[in-house]
């Protein structure tokens, strides 16, 4: 066994997020492990840009109200204790509802690079897309 040292909370980069977002890396073990887990803290209305994961992503809300959107215009609300699986390659975004802070666990697996980057980032989510 190996205890992973705690890393400082990091500010979400402006190239990936709209609004104030902070994250804590909870799991990033060395190879051959592939699982990654971040606790991501969103201010009201903050959200990711459009993105997709080569192996998919699971989200689990721990506090607040989350919004998760897909390219077809669907926006799903998640409450504390609820989880959502996003299929490999599916373009999506996630963030906090307009009037609440939100924290979720973001869980994904890294790939070996043969099918592209683990996470591919695209453009900002518009207010209309966020509103659903």
N, C-alpha and C. Protein backbone atom coordinates (compact mmCIF):
# COMPACT_ATOMS: atom_id res chain seq x y z
N UNK A 1 0.84 -1.18 0.00
CA UNK A 1 0.00 0.00 0.00
C UNK A 1 0.88 1.24 0.00
N UNK A 2 0.29 2.28 -0.54
CA UNK A 2 1.01 3.55 -0.59
C UNK A 2 0.03 4.69 -0.34
N UNK A 3 0.33 5.51 0.64
CA UNK A 3 -0.52 6.68 0.90
C UNK A 3 -0.15 7.76 -0.11
N UNK A 4 -1.18 8.29 -0.77
CA UNK A 4 -0.96 9.36 -1.74
C UNK A 4 -0.93 10.69 -1.00
N UNK A 5 0.12 11.46 -1.19
CA UNK A 5 0.15 12.76 -0.51
C UNK A 5 -0.95 13.68 -1.02
N UNK A 6 -1.51 14.47 -0.12
CA UNK A 6 -2.56 15.42 -0.50
C UNK A 6 -1.95 16.55 -1.31
N UNK A 7 -2.64 16.93 -2.38
CA UNK A 7 -2.20 18.06 -3.19
C UNK A 7 -3.06 19.27 -2.84
N UNK A 8 -2.54 20.46 -3.01
CA UNK A 8 -3.34 21.66 -2.70
C UNK A 8 -4.55 21.78 -3.63
N UNK A 9 -5.59 22.41 -3.14
CA UNK A 9 -6.74 22.73 -3.97
C UNK A 9 -6.27 23.60 -5.13
N UNK A 10 -6.80 23.31 -6.34
CA UNK A 10 -6.38 24.02 -7.53
C UNK A 10 -7.55 24.79 -8.14
N UNK A 11 -7.27 25.97 -8.67
CA UNK A 11 -8.28 26.77 -9.38
C UNK A 11 -8.49 26.16 -10.76
N UNK A 12 -9.73 25.99 -11.16
CA UNK A 12 -10.03 25.48 -12.49
C UNK A 12 -9.60 26.47 -13.55
N UNK A 13 -8.86 26.01 -14.56
CA UNK A 13 -8.35 26.94 -15.58
C UNK A 13 -9.46 27.55 -16.44
N UNK A 14 -9.25 28.81 -16.82
CA UNK A 14 -10.23 29.54 -17.63
C UNK A 14 -10.42 28.91 -19.01
N UNK A 15 -9.50 28.06 -19.46
CA UNK A 15 -9.66 27.37 -20.75
C UNK A 15 -10.65 26.21 -20.67
N UNK A 16 -11.08 25.84 -19.47
CA UNK A 16 -11.97 24.70 -19.29
C UNK A 16 -13.27 25.05 -18.58
N UNK A 17 -13.31 26.20 -17.89
CA UNK A 17 -14.45 26.51 -17.03
C UNK A 17 -14.94 27.94 -17.22
N UNK A 18 -16.25 28.12 -17.08
CA UNK A 18 -16.89 29.43 -16.99
C UNK A 18 -17.25 29.63 -15.53
N UNK A 19 -16.85 30.74 -14.94
CA UNK A 19 -17.14 30.99 -13.53
C UNK A 19 -16.05 30.44 -12.63
N UNK A 20 -16.30 30.52 -11.33
CA UNK A 20 -15.31 30.08 -10.34
C UNK A 20 -15.47 28.61 -10.02
N UNK A 21 -14.40 27.86 -10.29
CA UNK A 21 -14.38 26.42 -10.05
C UNK A 21 -13.06 26.07 -9.40
N UNK A 22 -13.11 25.21 -8.41
CA UNK A 22 -11.91 24.73 -7.72
C UNK A 22 -11.99 23.22 -7.67
N UNK A 23 -10.84 22.54 -7.66
CA UNK A 23 -10.88 21.08 -7.54
C UNK A 23 -9.75 20.55 -6.66
N UNK A 24 -10.07 19.42 -6.05
CA UNK A 24 -9.12 18.67 -5.24
C UNK A 24 -8.90 17.33 -5.91
N UNK A 25 -7.65 16.97 -6.16
CA UNK A 25 -7.32 15.66 -6.72
C UNK A 25 -7.40 14.66 -5.57
N UNK A 26 -8.31 13.70 -5.68
CA UNK A 26 -8.48 12.69 -4.64
C UNK A 26 -7.76 11.40 -4.98
N UNK A 27 -7.70 11.07 -6.27
CA UNK A 27 -7.03 9.83 -6.68
C UNK A 27 -6.38 10.03 -8.03
N UNK A 28 -5.08 9.83 -8.08
CA UNK A 28 -4.31 9.85 -9.32
C UNK A 28 -3.12 8.90 -9.12
N UNK A 29 -3.44 7.61 -8.92
CA UNK A 29 -2.37 6.66 -8.62
C UNK A 29 -1.46 6.42 -9.82
N UNK A 30 -0.28 5.89 -9.56
CA UNK A 30 0.68 5.65 -10.64
C UNK A 30 0.26 4.48 -11.54
N UNK A 31 0.83 4.42 -12.73
CA UNK A 31 0.62 3.32 -13.66
C UNK A 31 0.99 2.02 -12.94
N UNK A 32 0.24 0.96 -13.09
CA UNK A 32 -0.74 0.71 -14.14
C UNK A 32 -2.16 1.15 -13.82
N UNK A 33 -2.40 1.76 -12.65
CA UNK A 33 -3.75 2.22 -12.31
C UNK A 33 -4.20 3.28 -13.31
N UNK A 34 -5.50 3.31 -13.60
CA UNK A 34 -6.02 4.26 -14.58
C UNK A 34 -7.12 5.17 -14.01
N UNK A 35 -7.61 4.87 -12.82
CA UNK A 35 -8.70 5.64 -12.23
C UNK A 35 -8.23 7.01 -11.75
N UNK A 36 -9.03 8.03 -12.03
CA UNK A 36 -8.79 9.38 -11.55
C UNK A 36 -10.07 9.87 -10.89
N UNK A 37 -9.93 10.56 -9.75
CA UNK A 37 -11.09 11.11 -9.05
C UNK A 37 -10.74 12.51 -8.56
N UNK A 38 -11.60 13.46 -8.89
CA UNK A 38 -11.47 14.84 -8.39
C UNK A 38 -12.76 15.23 -7.69
N UNK A 39 -12.64 15.96 -6.60
CA UNK A 39 -13.78 16.66 -6.01
C UNK A 39 -13.77 18.04 -6.63
N UNK A 40 -14.85 18.40 -7.34
CA UNK A 40 -14.89 19.65 -8.07
C UNK A 40 -15.96 20.54 -7.44
N UNK A 41 -15.56 21.78 -7.10
CA UNK A 41 -16.41 22.71 -6.37
C UNK A 41 -16.77 23.87 -7.30
N UNK A 42 -18.06 24.03 -7.60
CA UNK A 42 -18.55 25.04 -8.53
C UNK A 42 -19.31 26.14 -7.78
N UNK A 43 -19.00 27.41 -8.06
CA UNK A 43 -19.81 28.52 -7.58
C UNK A 43 -21.14 28.51 -8.35
N UNK A 44 -22.18 29.17 -7.83
CA UNK A 44 -23.45 29.21 -8.55
C UNK A 44 -23.25 29.65 -10.01
N UNK A 45 -23.84 28.89 -10.94
CA UNK A 45 -23.78 29.20 -12.36
C UNK A 45 -22.49 28.79 -13.05
N UNK A 46 -21.47 28.39 -12.31
CA UNK A 46 -20.21 27.97 -12.94
C UNK A 46 -20.39 26.62 -13.62
N UNK A 47 -19.59 26.41 -14.67
CA UNK A 47 -19.73 25.17 -15.44
C UNK A 47 -18.48 24.91 -16.25
N UNK A 48 -18.37 23.66 -16.71
CA UNK A 48 -17.28 23.29 -17.60
C UNK A 48 -17.56 23.79 -19.00
N UNK A 49 -16.56 23.76 -19.84
CA UNK A 49 -16.74 23.90 -21.30
C UNK A 49 -17.25 22.54 -21.80
N UNK A 50 -17.65 22.49 -23.06
CA UNK A 50 -17.96 21.22 -23.70
C UNK A 50 -16.71 20.35 -23.67
N UNK A 51 -16.89 19.07 -23.38
CA UNK A 51 -15.76 18.14 -23.38
C UNK A 51 -16.27 16.71 -23.47
N UNK A 52 -15.33 15.79 -23.72
CA UNK A 52 -15.66 14.37 -23.74
C UNK A 52 -14.46 13.59 -23.22
N UNK A 53 -14.76 12.37 -22.76
CA UNK A 53 -13.73 11.50 -22.19
C UNK A 53 -13.66 10.21 -23.01
N UNK A 54 -12.44 9.80 -23.33
CA UNK A 54 -12.26 8.63 -24.18
C UNK A 54 -12.86 7.36 -23.56
N UNK A 55 -12.85 7.26 -22.22
CA UNK A 55 -13.40 6.08 -21.55
C UNK A 55 -14.67 6.38 -20.75
N UNK A 56 -15.26 7.57 -20.95
CA UNK A 56 -16.47 7.93 -20.23
C UNK A 56 -16.15 8.59 -18.90
N UNK A 57 -17.20 8.98 -18.19
CA UNK A 57 -17.04 9.66 -16.91
C UNK A 57 -18.25 9.40 -16.03
N UNK A 58 -18.01 9.22 -14.73
CA UNK A 58 -19.08 9.13 -13.74
C UNK A 58 -19.02 10.39 -12.88
N UNK A 59 -20.20 10.94 -12.59
CA UNK A 59 -20.31 12.09 -11.71
C UNK A 59 -21.19 11.69 -10.53
N UNK A 60 -20.80 12.11 -9.32
CA UNK A 60 -21.59 11.86 -8.12
C UNK A 60 -21.67 13.15 -7.33
N UNK A 61 -22.87 13.68 -7.17
CA UNK A 61 -23.06 14.96 -6.49
C UNK A 61 -23.04 14.75 -4.98
N UNK A 62 -22.23 15.57 -4.30
CA UNK A 62 -22.15 15.48 -2.84
C UNK A 62 -22.86 16.63 -2.15
N UNK A 63 -23.01 17.78 -2.82
CA UNK A 63 -23.77 18.89 -2.24
C UNK A 63 -24.23 19.82 -3.36
N UNK A 64 -25.34 20.50 -3.10
CA UNK A 64 -25.87 21.45 -4.07
C UNK A 64 -26.69 20.78 -5.15
N UNK A 65 -26.89 21.51 -6.24
CA UNK A 65 -27.65 21.01 -7.39
C UNK A 65 -26.77 21.14 -8.63
N UNK A 66 -26.62 20.02 -9.34
CA UNK A 66 -25.81 20.00 -10.56
C UNK A 66 -26.71 20.05 -11.78
N UNK A 67 -26.16 20.62 -12.84
CA UNK A 67 -26.75 20.54 -14.17
C UNK A 67 -25.73 19.84 -15.07
N UNK A 68 -26.23 18.92 -15.89
CA UNK A 68 -25.38 18.22 -16.86
C UNK A 68 -26.10 18.27 -18.20
N UNK A 69 -25.38 18.74 -19.23
CA UNK A 69 -25.99 18.89 -20.54
C UNK A 69 -25.28 18.10 -21.61
N UNK A 70 -26.03 17.74 -22.66
CA UNK A 70 -25.48 17.01 -23.80
C UNK A 70 -25.77 17.79 -25.08
N UNK A 71 -25.11 17.41 -26.16
CA UNK A 71 -25.23 18.12 -27.44
C UNK A 71 -26.65 18.13 -27.99
N UNK A 72 -27.48 17.18 -27.60
CA UNK A 72 -28.86 17.17 -28.10
C UNK A 72 -29.76 18.16 -27.37
N UNK A 73 -29.20 18.92 -26.41
CA UNK A 73 -29.95 19.94 -25.70
C UNK A 73 -30.53 19.49 -24.38
N UNK A 74 -30.42 18.20 -24.07
CA UNK A 74 -30.94 17.71 -22.80
C UNK A 74 -30.09 18.25 -21.65
N UNK A 75 -30.78 18.71 -20.59
CA UNK A 75 -30.10 19.14 -19.37
C UNK A 75 -30.73 18.38 -18.21
N UNK A 76 -29.90 17.64 -17.48
CA UNK A 76 -30.35 16.83 -16.36
C UNK A 76 -29.94 17.51 -15.06
N UNK A 77 -30.83 17.51 -14.07
CA UNK A 77 -30.51 18.01 -12.74
C UNK A 77 -30.17 16.84 -11.84
N UNK A 78 -29.11 16.99 -11.04
CA UNK A 78 -28.71 15.97 -10.08
C UNK A 78 -28.67 16.58 -8.69
N UNK A 79 -29.17 15.85 -7.71
CA UNK A 79 -29.19 16.28 -6.32
C UNK A 79 -28.15 15.49 -5.52
N UNK A 80 -27.83 15.92 -4.31
CA UNK A 80 -26.85 15.19 -3.50
C UNK A 80 -27.22 13.71 -3.37
N UNK A 81 -26.22 12.87 -3.56
CA UNK A 81 -26.41 11.42 -3.50
C UNK A 81 -26.72 10.80 -4.85
N UNK A 82 -27.00 11.60 -5.87
CA UNK A 82 -27.32 11.06 -7.20
C UNK A 82 -26.06 11.02 -8.06
N UNK A 83 -26.03 10.02 -8.94
CA UNK A 83 -24.89 9.80 -9.83
C UNK A 83 -25.36 9.71 -11.27
N UNK A 84 -24.43 9.94 -12.18
CA UNK A 84 -24.73 9.89 -13.61
C UNK A 84 -23.52 9.33 -14.34
N UNK A 85 -23.75 8.45 -15.30
CA UNK A 85 -22.70 7.91 -16.15
C UNK A 85 -22.80 8.58 -17.51
N UNK A 86 -21.68 9.08 -18.01
CA UNK A 86 -21.61 9.68 -19.33
C UNK A 86 -20.77 8.76 -20.19
N UNK A 87 -21.33 8.30 -21.30
CA UNK A 87 -20.70 7.28 -22.14
C UNK A 87 -19.39 7.77 -22.77
N UNK A 88 -18.50 6.85 -23.09
CA UNK A 88 -17.25 7.22 -23.76
C UNK A 88 -17.54 8.03 -25.03
N UNK A 89 -16.81 9.13 -25.19
CA UNK A 89 -16.92 9.94 -26.40
C UNK A 89 -18.10 10.89 -26.44
N UNK A 90 -18.99 10.89 -25.44
CA UNK A 90 -20.16 11.75 -25.48
C UNK A 90 -19.80 13.18 -25.06
N UNK A 91 -20.09 14.14 -25.94
CA UNK A 91 -19.86 15.55 -25.63
C UNK A 91 -20.85 15.97 -24.55
N UNK A 92 -20.35 16.65 -23.52
CA UNK A 92 -21.20 17.06 -22.42
C UNK A 92 -20.56 18.23 -21.66
N UNK A 93 -21.31 18.77 -20.72
CA UNK A 93 -20.82 19.77 -19.79
C UNK A 93 -21.49 19.52 -18.46
N UNK A 94 -20.93 20.06 -17.38
CA UNK A 94 -21.58 19.96 -16.07
C UNK A 94 -21.19 21.16 -15.22
N UNK A 95 -22.09 21.51 -14.31
CA UNK A 95 -21.83 22.64 -13.44
C UNK A 95 -22.92 22.81 -12.40
N UNK A 96 -22.87 23.93 -11.69
CA UNK A 96 -23.81 24.23 -10.62
C UNK A 96 -25.06 24.90 -11.17
N UNK A 97 -26.16 24.71 -10.48
CA UNK A 97 -27.38 25.44 -10.79
C UNK A 97 -27.14 26.93 -10.52
N UNK A 98 -28.01 27.81 -11.04
CA UNK A 98 -27.75 29.25 -10.96
C UNK A 98 -27.66 29.84 -9.56
N UNK A 99 -28.32 29.23 -8.57
CA UNK A 99 -28.39 29.87 -7.25
C UNK A 99 -27.79 29.03 -6.13
N UNK A 100 -27.03 27.98 -6.48
CA UNK A 100 -26.45 27.12 -5.45
C UNK A 100 -25.01 26.75 -5.79
N UNK A 101 -24.20 26.64 -4.76
CA UNK A 101 -22.89 26.02 -4.94
C UNK A 101 -23.12 24.54 -5.18
N UNK A 102 -22.17 23.88 -5.80
CA UNK A 102 -22.30 22.45 -6.05
C UNK A 102 -20.92 21.81 -6.01
N UNK A 103 -20.86 20.64 -5.39
CA UNK A 103 -19.64 19.83 -5.42
C UNK A 103 -20.01 18.45 -5.94
N UNK A 104 -19.19 17.95 -6.85
CA UNK A 104 -19.36 16.57 -7.29
C UNK A 104 -18.02 15.87 -7.35
N UNK A 105 -18.08 14.56 -7.29
CA UNK A 105 -16.91 13.74 -7.56
C UNK A 105 -16.94 13.43 -9.05
N UNK A 106 -15.86 13.75 -9.74
CA UNK A 106 -15.71 13.43 -11.15
C UNK A 106 -14.75 12.25 -11.24
N UNK A 107 -15.20 11.17 -11.85
CA UNK A 107 -14.41 9.94 -11.92
C UNK A 107 -14.26 9.50 -13.37
N UNK A 108 -13.03 9.24 -13.78
CA UNK A 108 -12.78 8.79 -15.14
C UNK A 108 -11.50 7.97 -15.16
N UNK A 109 -11.32 7.25 -16.25
CA UNK A 109 -10.10 6.47 -16.44
C UNK A 109 -9.27 7.10 -17.54
N UNK A 110 -7.96 7.09 -17.34
CA UNK A 110 -7.08 7.57 -18.39
C UNK A 110 -6.83 6.44 -19.37
N UNK A 111 -6.59 6.81 -20.62
CA UNK A 111 -6.31 5.82 -21.65
C UNK A 111 -4.82 5.71 -21.90
N UNK A 112 -4.48 4.96 -22.92
CA UNK A 112 -3.06 4.81 -23.27
C UNK A 112 -2.65 5.72 -24.41
N UNK A 113 -3.55 6.61 -24.82
CA UNK A 113 -3.25 7.57 -25.88
C UNK A 113 -3.56 7.09 -27.28
N UNK A 114 -3.90 5.81 -27.44
CA UNK A 114 -4.15 5.29 -28.79
C UNK A 114 -5.50 5.76 -29.36
N UNK A 115 -6.41 6.19 -28.51
CA UNK A 115 -7.73 6.64 -28.96
C UNK A 115 -7.93 8.13 -28.70
N UNK A 116 -6.85 8.87 -28.62
CA UNK A 116 -6.92 10.30 -28.38
C UNK A 116 -6.68 10.64 -26.93
N UNK A 117 -6.81 11.92 -26.58
CA UNK A 117 -6.56 12.34 -25.21
C UNK A 117 -7.64 11.80 -24.26
N UNK A 118 -7.29 11.69 -23.00
CA UNK A 118 -8.25 11.22 -22.00
C UNK A 118 -9.48 12.12 -21.97
N UNK A 119 -9.24 13.43 -22.03
CA UNK A 119 -10.30 14.42 -22.07
C UNK A 119 -10.02 15.38 -23.22
N UNK A 120 -11.01 15.56 -24.07
CA UNK A 120 -10.90 16.51 -25.18
C UNK A 120 -11.81 17.69 -24.89
N UNK A 121 -11.24 18.90 -24.86
CA UNK A 121 -11.98 20.11 -24.53
C UNK A 121 -12.38 20.86 -25.80
N UNK A 122 -13.54 21.51 -25.75
CA UNK A 122 -14.04 22.28 -26.89
C UNK A 122 -14.47 23.68 -26.39
N UNK A 123 -15.51 24.23 -27.01
CA UNK A 123 -15.90 25.61 -26.77
C UNK A 123 -16.70 25.78 -25.48
N UNK A 124 -16.88 27.07 -25.10
CA UNK A 124 -17.69 27.42 -23.94
C UNK A 124 -19.14 26.97 -24.16
N UNK A 125 -19.80 26.69 -23.06
CA UNK A 125 -21.25 26.42 -23.06
C UNK A 125 -21.94 27.78 -23.03
N UNK A 126 -22.86 28.02 -23.95
CA UNK A 126 -23.56 29.30 -23.99
C UNK A 126 -24.60 29.36 -22.86
N UNK A 127 -25.06 30.56 -22.55
CA UNK A 127 -26.11 30.71 -21.54
C UNK A 127 -27.38 29.96 -21.96
N UNK A 128 -27.73 30.00 -23.25
CA UNK A 128 -28.91 29.27 -23.73
C UNK A 128 -28.75 27.77 -23.53
N UNK A 129 -27.55 27.22 -23.83
CA UNK A 129 -27.32 25.80 -23.61
C UNK A 129 -27.40 25.46 -22.13
N UNK A 130 -26.83 26.31 -21.28
CA UNK A 130 -26.87 26.11 -19.84
C UNK A 130 -28.30 26.12 -19.31
N UNK A 131 -29.12 27.03 -19.83
CA UNK A 131 -30.50 27.14 -19.39
C UNK A 131 -31.38 26.00 -19.89
N UNK A 132 -30.90 25.28 -20.92
CA UNK A 132 -31.64 24.12 -21.44
C UNK A 132 -32.84 24.55 -22.23
